Amino acid sequence: MDKATLTFTDVSITVNVPTGTRIIEMSEKVGSGITYGCREGECGTCLTHVIEGGENLSEPSALELRVLSENLAGKDDRLACQCRVLGGAVKVRPGG
């Protein structure tokens, strides 16, 4: 399986992840401030700001786009429970 790197700048930790990993799966493990409420993409709690590598993330679903819009998210914000790392390097921090 291909690998990618995911960096959480709030805790200064970079981890190697298998492609297809959701950001939320790793943020819990490393103690990042990216937290969640529902894990279903409905609540917006896991709003994440993508600093670098947004092109290496899965495209947002219609649900994610709606929740991002409702939370007045910026163009570089994603929901950590919804987006998957597809390869390369991604750098994120808690949003909001």
PDB file of N, CA and C in Angstrom:
ATOM      1  N   MET A   1       0.843  -1.181   0.000  1.00  0.00           N
ATOM      2  CA  MET A   1       0.000   0.000   0.000  1.00  0.00           C
ATOM      3  C   MET A   1       0.887   1.242   0.000  1.00  0.00           C
ATOM      4  N   ASP A   2       0.480   2.252  -0.742  1.00  0.00           N
ATOM      5  CA  ASP A   2       1.249   3.487  -0.801  1.00  0.00           C
ATOM      6  C   ASP A   2       1.173   4.226   0.527  1.00  0.00           C
ATOM      7  N   LYS A   3       2.195   5.012   0.769  1.00  0.00           N
ATOM      8  CA  LYS A   3       2.262   5.789   2.005  1.00  0.00           C
ATOM      9  C   LYS A   3       2.204   7.277   1.687  1.00  0.00           C
ATOM     10  N   ALA A   4       1.798   8.029   2.679  1.00  0.00           N
ATOM     11  CA  ALA A   4       1.778   9.481   2.594  1.00  0.00           C
ATOM     12  C   ALA A   4       2.231  10.005   3.948  1.00  0.00           C
ATOM     13  N   THR A   5       2.522  11.306   4.029  1.00  0.00           N
ATOM     14  CA  THR A   5       2.842  11.887   5.327  1.00  0.00           C
ATOM     15  C   THR A   5       1.776  12.911   5.684  1.00  0.00           C
ATOM     16  N   LEU A   6       1.489  12.962   6.967  1.00  0.00           N
ATOM     17  CA  LEU A   6       0.482  13.864   7.501  1.00  0.00           C
ATOM     18  C   LEU A   6       1.114  14.582   8.688  1.00  0.00           C
ATOM     19  N   THR A   7       1.165  15.922   8.617  1.00  0.00           N
ATOM     20  CA  THR A   7       1.772  16.727   9.677  1.00  0.00           C
ATOM     21  C   THR A   7       0.691  17.511  10.401  1.00  0.00           C
ATOM     22  N   PHE A   8       0.724  17.436  11.729  1.00  0.00           N
ATOM     23  CA  PHE A   8      -0.177  18.216  12.585  1.00  0.00           C
ATOM     24  C   PHE A   8       0.673  19.321  13.202  1.00  0.00           C
ATOM     25  N   THR A   9       0.516  20.545  12.715  1.00  0.00           N
ATOM     26  CA  THR A   9       1.420  21.614  13.153  1.00  0.00           C
ATOM     27  C   THR A   9       1.162  22.034  14.594  1.00  0.00           C
ATOM     28  N   ASP A  10      -0.045  21.823  15.116  1.00  0.00           N
ATOM     29  CA  ASP A  10      -0.314  22.262  16.494  1.00  0.00           C
ATOM     30  C   ASP A  10       0.452  21.442  17.523  1.00  0.00           C
ATOM     31  N   VAL A  11       0.830  20.217  17.158  1.00  0.00           N
ATOM     32  CA  VAL A  11       1.615  19.381  18.069  1.00  0.00           C
ATOM     33  C   VAL A  11       2.996  19.041  17.488  1.00  0.00           C
ATOM     34  N   SER A  12       3.300  19.628  16.321  1.00  0.00           N
ATOM     35  CA  SER A  12       4.602  19.432  15.656  1.00  0.00           C
ATOM     36  C   SER A  12       4.947  17.963  15.474  1.00  0.00           C
ATOM     37  N   ILE A  13       3.984  17.208  14.953  1.00  0.00           N
ATOM     38  CA  ILE A  13       4.199  15.777  14.716  1.00  0.00           C
ATOM     39  C   ILE A  13       3.871  15.450  13.259  1.00  0.00           C
ATOM     40  N   THR A  14       4.775  14.699  12.616  1.00  0.00           N
ATOM     41  CA  THR A  14       4.548  14.188  11.266  1.00  0.00           C
ATOM     42  C   THR A  14       4.501  12.675  11.344  1.00  0.00           C
ATOM     43  N   VAL A  15       3.486  12.079  10.734  1.00  0.00           N
ATOM     44  CA  VAL A  15       3.346  10.628  10.747  1.00  0.00           C
ATOM     45  C   VAL A  15       3.226  10.113   9.319  1.00  0.00           C
ATOM     46  N   ASN A  16       3.715   8.898   9.113  1.00  0.00           N
ATOM     47  CA  ASN A  16       3.494   8.205   7.844  1.00  0.00           C
ATOM     48  C   ASN A  16       2.156   7.502   7.943  1.00  0.00           C
ATOM     49  N   VAL A  17       1.334   7.662   6.922  1.00  0.00           N
ATOM     50  CA  VAL A  17       0.002   7.048   6.931  1.00  0.00           C
ATOM     51  C   VAL A  17      -0.224   6.294   5.636  1.00  0.00           C
ATOM     52  N   PRO A  18      -1.012   5.211   5.690  1.00  0.00           N
ATOM     53  CA  PRO A  18      -1.393   4.541   4.451  1.00  0.00           C
ATOM     54  C   PRO A  18      -2.330   5.448   3.659  1.00  0.00           C
ATOM     55  N   THR A  19      -2.238   5.408   2.335  1.00  0.00           N
ATOM     56  CA  THR A  19      -3.169   6.196   1.547  1.00  0.00           C
ATOM     57  C   THR A  19      -4.593   5.741   1.858  1.00  0.00           C
ATOM     58  N   GLY A  20      -5.494   6.697   1.864  1.00  0.00           N
ATOM     59  CA  GLY A  20      -6.882   6.416   2.210  1.00  0.00           C
ATOM     60  C   GLY A  20      -7.212   6.688   3.668  1.00  0.00           C
ATOM     61  N   THR A  21      -6.196   7.066   4.461  1.00  0.00           N
ATOM     62  CA  THR A  21      -6.420   7.353   5.882  1.00  0.00           C
ATOM     63  C   THR A  21      -7.193   8.655   6.035  1.00  0.00           C
ATOM     64  N   ARG A  22      -8.191   8.654   6.904  1.00  0.00           N
ATOM     65  CA  ARG A  22      -8.889   9.899   7.234  1.00  0.00           C
ATOM     66  C   ARG A  22      -8.058  10.668   8.257  1.00  0.00           C
ATOM     67  N   ILE A  23      -8.029  11.981   8.124  1.00  0.00           N
ATOM     68  CA  ILE A  23      -7.227  12.811   9.039  1.00  0.00           C
ATOM     69  C   ILE A  23      -7.615  12.548  10.492  1.00  0.00           C
ATOM     70  N   ILE A  24      -8.905  12.391  10.768  1.00  0.00           N
ATOM     71  CA  ILE A  24      -9.368  12.222  12.153  1.00  0.00           C
ATOM     72  C   ILE A  24      -8.774  10.966  12.800  1.00  0.00           C
ATOM     73  N   GLU A  25      -8.498   9.936  11.985  1.00  0.00           N
ATOM     74  CA  GLU A  25      -7.961   8.690  12.536  1.00  0.00           C
ATOM     75  C   GLU A  25      -6.590   8.922  13.170  1.00  0.00           C
ATOM     76  N   MET A  26      -5.808   9.827  12.593  1.00  0.00           N
ATOM     77  CA  MET A  26      -4.468  10.082  13.120  1.00  0.00           C
ATOM     78  C   MET A  26      -4.454  11.209  14.135  1.00  0.00           C
ATOM     79  N   SER A  27      -5.354  12.178  14.005  1.00  0.00           N
ATOM     80  CA  SER A  27      -5.307  13.320  14.930  1.00  0.00           C
ATOM     81  C   SER A  27      -5.530  12.873  16.366  1.00  0.00           C
ATOM     82  N   GLU A  28      -6.397  11.876  16.547  1.00  0.00           N
ATOM     83  CA  GLU A  28      -6.633  11.337  17.896  1.00  0.00           C
ATOM     84  C   GLU A  28      -5.360  10.701  18.446  1.00  0.00           C
ATOM     85  N   LYS A  29      -4.684   9.933  17.604  1.00  0.00           N
ATOM     86  CA  LYS A  29      -3.512   9.169  18.052  1.00  0.00           C
ATOM     87  C   LYS A  29      -2.361  10.073  18.460  1.00  0.00           C
ATOM     88  N   VAL A  30      -2.197  11.209  17.770  1.00  0.00           N
ATOM     89  CA  VAL A  30      -1.052  12.077  18.056  1.00  0.00           C
ATOM     90  C   VAL A  30      -1.386  13.181  19.060  1.00  0.00           C
ATOM     91  N   GLY A  31      -2.642  13.283  19.466  1.00  0.00           N
ATOM     92  CA  GLY A  31      -3.021  14.285  20.459  1.00  0.00           C
ATOM     93  C   GLY A  31      -3.226  15.669  19.886  1.00  0.00           C
ATOM     94  N   SER A  32      -3.515  15.752  18.594  1.00  0.00           N
ATOM     95  CA  SER A  32      -3.786  17.045  17.965  1.00  0.00           C
ATOM     96  C   SER A  32      -5.074  17.642  18.511  1.00  0.00           C
ATOM     97  N   GLY A  33      -5.193  18.953  18.384  1.00  0.00           N
ATOM     98  CA  GLY A  33      -6.403  19.650  18.812  1.00  0.00           C
ATOM     99  C   GLY A  33      -7.568  19.477  17.859  1.00  0.00           C
ATOM    100  N   ILE A  34      -7.362  18.720  16.775  1.00  0.00           N
ATOM    101  CA  ILE A  34      -8.465  18.431  15.857  1.00  0.00           C
ATOM    102  C   ILE A  34      -9.338  17.378  16.526  1.00  0.00           C
ATOM    103  N   THR A  35     -10.511  17.793  16.951  1.00  0.00           N
ATOM    104  CA  THR A  35     -11.406  16.906  17.691  1.00  0.00           C
ATOM    105  C   THR A  35     -12.652  16.630  16.868  1.00  0.00           C
ATOM    106  N   TYR A  36     -13.516  15.779  17.365  1.00  0.00           N
ATOM    107  CA  TYR A  36     -14.720  15.447  16.610  1.00  0.00           C
ATOM    108  C   TYR A  36     -15.904  15.302  17.549  1.00  0.00           C
ATOM    109  N   GLY A  37     -17.076  15.403  16.963  1.00  0.00           N
ATOM    110  CA  GLY A  37     -18.296  15.165  17.716  1.00  0.00           C
ATOM    111  C   GLY A  37     -18.971  13.904  17.217  1.00  0.00           C
ATOM    112  N   CYS A  38     -19.264  13.886  15.905  1.00  0.00           N
ATOM    113  CA  CYS A  38     -20.119  12.814  15.392  1.00  0.00           C
ATOM    114  C   CYS A  38     -19.399  11.801  14.505  1.00  0.00           C
ATOM    115  N   ARG A  39     -18.297  12.180  13.886  1.00  0.00           N
ATOM    116  CA  ARG A  39     -17.567  11.352  12.901  1.00  0.00           C
ATOM    117  C   ARG A  39     -18.361  11.079  11.636  1.00  0.00           C
ATOM    118  N   GLU A  40     -19.524  11.681  11.482  1.00  0.00           N
ATOM    119  CA  GLU A  40     -20.374  11.422  10.313  1.00  0.00           C
ATOM    120  C   GLU A  40     -20.379  12.593   9.335  1.00  0.00           C
ATOM    121  N   GLY A  41     -19.668  13.668   9.652  1.00  0.00           N
ATOM    122  CA  GLY A  41     -19.655  14.817   8.750  1.00  0.00           C
ATOM    123  C   GLY A  41     -20.811  15.765   8.947  1.00  0.00           C
ATOM    124  N   GLU A  42     -21.544  15.627  10.038  1.00  0.00           N
ATOM    125  CA  GLU A  42     -22.729  16.450  10.249  1.00  0.00           C
ATOM    126  C   GLU A  42     -22.493  17.656  11.153  1.00  0.00           C
ATOM    127  N   CYS A  43     -21.581  17.541  12.136  1.00  0.00           N
ATOM    128  CA  CYS A  43     -21.535  18.552  13.192  1.00  0.00           C
ATOM    129  C   CYS A  43     -20.535  19.682  12.945  1.00  0.00           C
ATOM    130  N   GLY A  44     -19.501  19.436  12.145  1.00  0.00           N
ATOM    131  CA  GLY A  44     -18.516  20.476  11.873  1.00  0.00           C
ATOM    132  C   GLY A  44     -17.466  20.657  12.956  1.00  0.00           C
ATOM    133  N   THR A  45     -17.494  19.843  14.010  1.00  0.00           N
ATOM    134  CA  THR A  45     -16.543  19.971  15.109  1.00  0.00           C
ATOM    135  C   THR A  45     -15.104  19.755  14.644  1.00  0.00           C
ATOM    136  N   CYS A  46     -14.900  18.878  13.686  1.00  0.00           N
ATOM    137  CA  CYS A  46     -13.541  18.509  13.256  1.00  0.00           C
ATOM    138  C   CYS A  46     -13.011  19.401  12.142  1.00  0.00           C
ATOM    139  N   LEU A  47     -13.505  20.625  12.073  1.00  0.00           N
ATOM    140  CA  LEU A  47     -13.035  21.566  11.065  1.00  0.00           C
ATOM    141  C   LEU A  47     -11.516  21.675  11.140  1.00  0.00           C
ATOM    142  N   THR A  48     -10.868  21.500  10.001  1.00  0.00           N
ATOM    143  CA  THR A  48      -9.412  21.436   9.911  1.00  0.00           C
ATOM    144  C   THR A  48      -8.928  22.398   8.840  1.00  0.00           C
ATOM    145  N   HIS A  49      -7.892  23.145   9.150  1.00  0.00           N
ATOM    146  CA  HIS A  49      -7.306  24.045   8.157  1.00  0.00           C
ATOM    147  C   HIS A  49      -6.141  23.325   7.481  1.00  0.00           C
ATOM    148  N   VAL A  50      -6.198  23.243   6.157  1.00  0.00           N
ATOM    149  CA  VAL A  50      -5.143  22.589   5.383  1.00  0.00           C
ATOM    150  C   VAL A  50      -4.101  23.646   5.013  1.00  0.00           C
ATOM    151  N   ILE A  51      -2.891  23.499   5.564  1.00  0.00           N
ATOM    152  CA  ILE A  51      -1.813  24.459   5.323  1.00  0.00           C
ATOM    153  C   ILE A  51      -1.108  24.150   4.008  1.00  0.00           C
ATOM    154  N   GLU A  52      -0.842  22.878   3.786  1.00  0.00           N
ATOM    155  CA  GLU A  52      -0.182  22.434   2.544  1.00  0.00           C
ATOM    156  C   GLU A  52      -0.754  21.090   2.136  1.00  0.00           C
ATOM    157  N   GLY A  53      -0.748  20.829   0.821  1.00  0.00           N
ATOM    158  CA  GLY A  53      -1.091  19.507   0.325  1.00  0.00           C
ATOM    159  C   GLY A  53      -2.570  19.240   0.126  1.00  0.00           C
ATOM    160  N   GLY A  54      -3.371  20.293   0.038  1.00  0.00           N
ATOM    161  CA  GLY A  54      -4.806  20.091  -0.179  1.00  0.00           C
ATOM    162  C   GLY A  54      -5.113  19.278  -1.422  1.00  0.00           C
ATOM    163  N   GLU A  55      -4.217  19.370  -2.414  1.00  0.00           N
ATOM    164  CA  GLU A  55      -4.412  18.598  -3.652  1.00  0.00           C
ATOM    165  C   GLU A  55      -4.220  17.103  -3.419  1.00  0.00           C
ATOM    166  N   ASN A  56      -3.647  16.725  -2.272  1.00  0.00           N
ATOM    167  CA  ASN A  56      -3.436  15.312  -1.951  1.00  0.00           C
ATOM    168  C   ASN A  56      -4.572  14.712  -1.133  1.00  0.00           C
ATOM    169  N   LEU A  57      -5.652  15.478  -0.968  1.00  0.00           N
ATOM    170  CA  LEU A  57      -6.808  14.992  -0.213  1.00  0.00           C
ATOM    171  C   LEU A  57      -7.940  14.622  -1.160  1.00  0.00           C
ATOM    172  N   SER A  58      -8.796  13.720  -0.701  1.00  0.00           N
ATOM    173  CA  SER A  58      -9.966  13.330  -1.492  1.00  0.00           C
ATOM    174  C   SER A  58     -10.862  14.543  -1.702  1.00  0.00           C
ATOM    175  N   GLU A  59     -11.626  14.516  -2.792  1.00  0.00           N
ATOM    176  CA  GLU A  59     -12.562  15.599  -3.073  1.00  0.00           C
ATOM    177  C   GLU A  59     -13.659  15.618  -2.016  1.00  0.00           C
ATOM    178  N   PRO A  60     -14.119  16.809  -1.620  1.00  0.00           N
ATOM    179  CA  PRO A  60     -15.201  16.854  -0.626  1.00  0.00           C
ATOM    180  C   PRO A  60     -16.524  16.350  -1.199  1.00  0.00           C
ATOM    181  N   SER A  61     -17.266  15.640  -0.376  1.00  0.00           N
ATOM    182  CA  SER A  61     -18.593  15.159  -0.778  1.00  0.00           C
ATOM    183  C   SER A  61     -19.587  16.315  -0.699  1.00  0.00           C
ATOM    184  N   ALA A  62     -20.782  16.114  -1.220  1.00  0.00           N
ATOM    185  CA  ALA A  62     -21.831  17.131  -1.138  1.00  0.00           C
ATOM    186  C   ALA A  62     -22.138  17.445   0.322  1.00  0.00           C
ATOM    187  N   LEU A  63     -22.163  16.424   1.172  1.00  0.00           N
ATOM    188  CA  LEU A  63     -22.427  16.621   2.599  1.00  0.00           C
ATOM    189  C   LEU A  63     -21.337  17.485   3.230  1.00  0.00           C
ATOM    190  N   GLU A  64     -20.076  17.140   2.947  1.00  0.00           N
ATOM    191  CA  GLU A  64     -18.987  17.921   3.524  1.00  0.00           C
ATOM    192  C   GLU A  64     -19.051  19.373   3.063  1.00  0.00           C
ATOM    193  N   LEU A  65     -19.316  19.594   1.782  1.00  0.00           N
ATOM    194  CA  LEU A  65     -19.411  20.960   1.266  1.00  0.00           C
ATOM    195  C   LEU A  65     -20.522  21.739   1.964  1.00  0.00           C
ATOM    196  N   ARG A  66     -21.644  21.082   2.231  1.00  0.00           N
ATOM    197  CA  ARG A  66     -22.762  21.745   2.902  1.00  0.00           C
ATOM    198  C   ARG A  66     -22.388  22.135   4.333  1.00  0.00           C
ATOM    199  N   VAL A  67     -21.772  21.198   5.066  1.00  0.00           N
ATOM    200  CA  VAL A  67     -21.394  21.472   6.451  1.00  0.00           C
ATOM    201  C   VAL A  67     -20.307  22.547   6.508  1.00  0.00           C
ATOM    202  N   LEU A  68     -19.352  22.506   5.573  1.00  0.00           N
ATOM    203  CA  LEU A  68     -18.323  23.545   5.523  1.00  0.00           C
ATOM    204  C   LEU A  68     -18.971  24.909   5.294  1.00  0.00           C
ATOM    205  N   SER A  69     -19.925  24.964   4.384  1.00  0.00           N
ATOM    206  CA  SER A  69     -20.628  26.209   4.088  1.00  0.00           C
ATOM    207  C   SER A  69     -21.385  26.717   5.312  1.00  0.00           C
ATOM    208  N   GLU A  70     -22.064  25.806   6.003  1.00  0.00           N
ATOM    209  CA  GLU A  70     -22.835  26.180   7.201  1.00  0.00           C
ATOM    210  C   GLU A  70     -21.927  26.717   8.302  1.00  0.00           C
ATOM    211  N   ASN A  71     -20.679  26.253   8.329  1.00  0.00           N
ATOM    212  CA  ASN A  71     -19.728  26.684   9.346  1.00  0.00           C
ATOM    213  C   ASN A  71     -18.848  27.847   8.871  1.00  0.00           C
ATOM    214  N   LEU A  72     -19.226  28.423   7.713  1.00  0.00           N
ATOM    215  CA  LEU A  72     -18.496  29.562   7.147  1.00  0.00           C
ATOM    216  C   LEU A  72     -17.008  29.267   6.998  1.00  0.00           C
ATOM    217  N   ALA A  73     -16.720  28.047   6.583  1.00  0.00           N
ATOM    218  CA  ALA A  73     -15.332  27.604   6.449  1.00  0.00           C
ATOM    219  C   ALA A  73     -14.665  28.285   5.253  1.00  0.00           C
ATOM    220  N   GLY A  74     -13.354  28.449   5.352  1.00  0.00           N
ATOM    221  CA  GLY A  74     -12.581  29.017   4.258  1.00  0.00           C
ATOM    222  C   GLY A  74     -12.277  27.975   3.198  1.00  0.00           C
ATOM    223  N   LYS A  75     -11.663  28.426   2.102  1.00  0.00           N
ATOM    224  CA  LYS A  75     -11.412  27.517   0.971  1.00  0.00           C
ATOM    225  C   LYS A  75     -10.405  26.428   1.318  1.00  0.00           C
ATOM    226  N   ASP A  76      -9.581  26.632   2.329  1.00  0.00           N
ATOM    227  CA  ASP A  76      -8.578  25.634   2.710  1.00  0.00           C
ATOM    228  C   ASP A  76      -9.006  24.834   3.931  1.00  0.00           C
ATOM    229  N   ASP A  77     -10.283  24.904   4.266  1.00  0.00           N
ATOM    230  CA  ASP A  77     -10.784  24.152   5.417  1.00  0.00           C
ATOM    231  C   ASP A  77     -11.503  22.892   4.959  1.00  0.00           C
ATOM    232  N   ARG A  78     -11.309  21.838   5.733  1.00  0.00           N
ATOM    233  CA  ARG A  78     -11.960  20.551   5.440  1.00  0.00           C
ATOM    234  C   ARG A  78     -12.459  19.955   6.753  1.00  0.00           C
ATOM    235  N   LEU A  79     -13.264  18.895   6.640  1.00  0.00           N
ATOM    236  CA  LEU A  79     -13.693  18.132   7.815  1.00  0.00           C
ATOM    237  C   LEU A  79     -12.770  16.930   7.948  1.00  0.00           C
ATOM    238  N   ALA A  80     -12.106  16.816   9.094  1.00  0.00           N
ATOM    239  CA  ALA A  80     -11.100  15.758   9.286  1.00  0.00           C
ATOM    240  C   ALA A  80     -11.709  14.370   9.232  1.00  0.00           C
ATOM    241  N   CYS A  81     -13.005  14.246   9.552  1.00  0.00           N
ATOM    242  CA  CYS A  81     -13.625  12.916   9.537  1.00  0.00           C
ATOM    243  C   CYS A  81     -14.030  12.501   8.135  1.00  0.00           C
ATOM    244  N   GLN A  82     -13.993  13.435   7.185  1.00  0.00           N
ATOM    245  CA  GLN A  82     -14.461  13.139   5.833  1.00  0.00           C
ATOM    246  C   GLN A  82     -13.343  13.008   4.809  1.00  0.00           C
ATOM    247  N   CYS A  83     -12.293  13.813   4.924  1.00  0.00           N
ATOM    248  CA  CYS A  83     -11.287  13.775   3.854  1.00  0.00           C
ATOM    249  C   CYS A  83     -10.217  12.720   4.133  1.00  0.00           C
ATOM    250  N   ARG A  84      -9.803  12.090   3.049  1.00  0.00           N
ATOM    251  CA  ARG A  84      -8.788  11.039   3.101  1.00  0.00           C
ATOM    252  C   ARG A  84      -7.505  11.536   2.434  1.00  0.00           C
ATOM    253  N   VAL A  85      -6.368  11.112   2.992  1.00  0.00           N
ATOM    254  CA  VAL A  85      -5.075  11.428   2.408  1.00  0.00           C
ATOM    255  C   VAL A  85      -4.826  10.445   1.269  1.00  0.00           C
ATOM    256  N   LEU A  86      -4.615  10.966   0.062  1.00  0.00           N
ATOM    257  CA  LEU A  86      -4.460  10.100  -1.111  1.00  0.00           C
ATOM    258  C   LEU A  86      -3.005   9.858  -1.483  1.00  0.00           C
ATOM    259  N   GLY A  87      -2.082  10.600  -0.870  1.00  0.00           N
ATOM    260  CA  GLY A  87      -0.664  10.440  -1.186  1.00  0.00           C
ATOM    261  C   GLY A  87       0.077  11.717  -0.877  1.00  0.00           C
ATOM    262  N   GLY A  88       1.385  11.712  -1.118  1.00  0.00           N
ATOM    263  CA  GLY A  88       2.174  12.916  -0.920  1.00  0.00           C
ATOM    264  C   GLY A  88       2.231  13.358   0.517  1.00  0.00           C
ATOM    265  N   ALA A  89       2.337  14.667   0.701  1.00  0.00           N
ATOM    266  CA  ALA A  89       2.451  15.242   2.039  1.00  0.00           C
ATOM    267  C   ALA A  89       1.308  16.213   2.272  1.00  0.00           C
ATOM    268  N   VAL A  90       0.725  16.126   3.453  1.00  0.00           N
ATOM    269  CA  VAL A  90      -0.376  17.013   3.847  1.00  0.00           C
ATOM    270  C   VAL A  90      -0.024  17.598   5.203  1.00  0.00           C
ATOM    271  N   LYS A  91      -0.255  18.912   5.353  1.00  0.00           N
ATOM    272  CA  LYS A  91       0.031  19.600   6.618  1.00  0.00           C
ATOM    273  C   LYS A  91      -1.244  20.300   7.059  1.00  0.00           C
ATOM    274  N   VAL A  92      -1.664  20.034   8.306  1.00  0.00           N
ATOM    275  CA  VAL A  92      -2.931  20.570   8.804  1.00  0.00           C
ATOM    276  C   VAL A  92      -2.793  21.118  10.225  1.00  0.00           C
ATOM    277  N   ARG A  93      -3.786  21.925  10.607  1.00  0.00           N
ATOM    278  CA  ARG A  93      -3.900  22.396  11.980  1.00  0.00           C
ATOM    279  C   ARG A  93      -5.398  22.488  12.294  1.00  0.00           C
ATOM    280  N   PRO A  94      -5.753  22.563  13.581  1.00  0.00           N
ATOM    281  CA  PRO A  94      -7.169  22.713  13.909  1.00  0.00           C
ATOM    282  C   PRO A  94      -7.742  23.976  13.261  1.00  0.00           C
ATOM    283  N   GLY A  95      -8.953  23.871  12.765  1.00  0.00           N
ATOM    284  CA  GLY A  95      -9.599  25.019  12.129  1.00  0.00           C
ATOM    285  C   GLY A  95     -10.358  25.843  13.144  1.00  0.00           C
ATOM    286  N   GLY A  96     -11.090  26.816  12.623  1.00  0.00           N
ATOM    287  CA  GLY A  96     -11.939  27.632  13.483  1.00  0.00           C
ATOM    288  C   GLY A  96     -11.217  28.761  14.159  1.00  0.00           C
TER     289      GLY A  96
END
